[in-house]
Amino acid sequence: MHDGELEARAYGSSGPLVVLLHGGPGAAGYLAPLASALAAGCRVLEPFQRGSGGEPSTVSHHVHDLARFVRSRCAPDRPVLAGHSWGAMLALAYAVEHSDELAGIVLIGCGTFDPAARAMLETTRAERTSPELRERVRRIALETDDPDLALARTAEALLPLDSFELGAHEPVTARCDARAHSETWSDLLALQQNGVFPAAFAAIRAPVLMLHGAHDPHPGALIRASLEPYLARLEYRELERCGHYPWLERHARAEFLASLRKWAKRSATQKSELPRRVRPSPTSPVTSRR
């Protein structure tokens, strides 16, 4: 069991507290440009999720780690939890048991919760993949012996495919962990197949904002539809001319950052109005898999 404090980077000195959760799974560090941009008006913490080693990484392990982190680094504040891709899914899993510790949740380019949405994601990516890109990805797999490096290089190769029009930005390489990626994603899929997610999200009482690019291959409308029956306070905003990484987009970056800052500030000032809820028992669907 991993019981150490998560490594984290801190940004900003004033404003609402935002905890950024990276995607992947197993791709820590690539949110640095977003964290730096949000620091103009927010206090930001960017934790790095656990890597592989020892027992397999599971969703409940990540929830446990995040609960320790929030309590040790955020109290007495209740932060806005903003997750990207898999990180958005982790934010929801965490909030099932810890909704009362949050001012709000932001889902940025949220991942999929059902086979139909995943099939559309795969179809869209396939339609956008040129023969040249397909060959590049194939060669990465063949020529890269290190699975962590192969995961990082593949993500870099697919960045334009997942984007509408990238603006000028400094390349940021994530600390990729292919084993943690595989273990965590396998557990997440099992939780979905067993009916735990998204049904468990009905316990969440914190307000939730979805910020989703209209050009993101992750189908925002389908993902929203899968979550709406369970989230009592869900707001959806679709960003035009925007893909999976809004803070890197030439056209949508300013609108995205302004929306996120404004919503975080509003949620932080209204946090005392969030209804309290009874903490689930240790046998709840998520913690029971720890």
Foldseek 3Di string as FASTA:
>chain_A
DDDDAFDKDKAADDAAEEEEEEDLVFFADQCVLVRHVLNVHYIYIYTNFDFDDDDADELLNRLVNVVVNCVVPPPPAAHEYEYAAVGLVSVLVNLLQVQLSHLAYEYALYYALDPVLVVQLVVLLVVLQDPVLVVVLVVLVVPPPDPQVNSQVNCVSCVVSQWLAFDDDDDITTRGHVRNSVRHVVNSVVCSVVPNPPQSSLSHQHAYEYEYEPSGSRHPVNRCVRNVVRYPHYHYDYFYRTGRDQCRGPPRNVVVSVVVSVVRNVSSVCSVVGDDDDRDDCCRPSNVVD
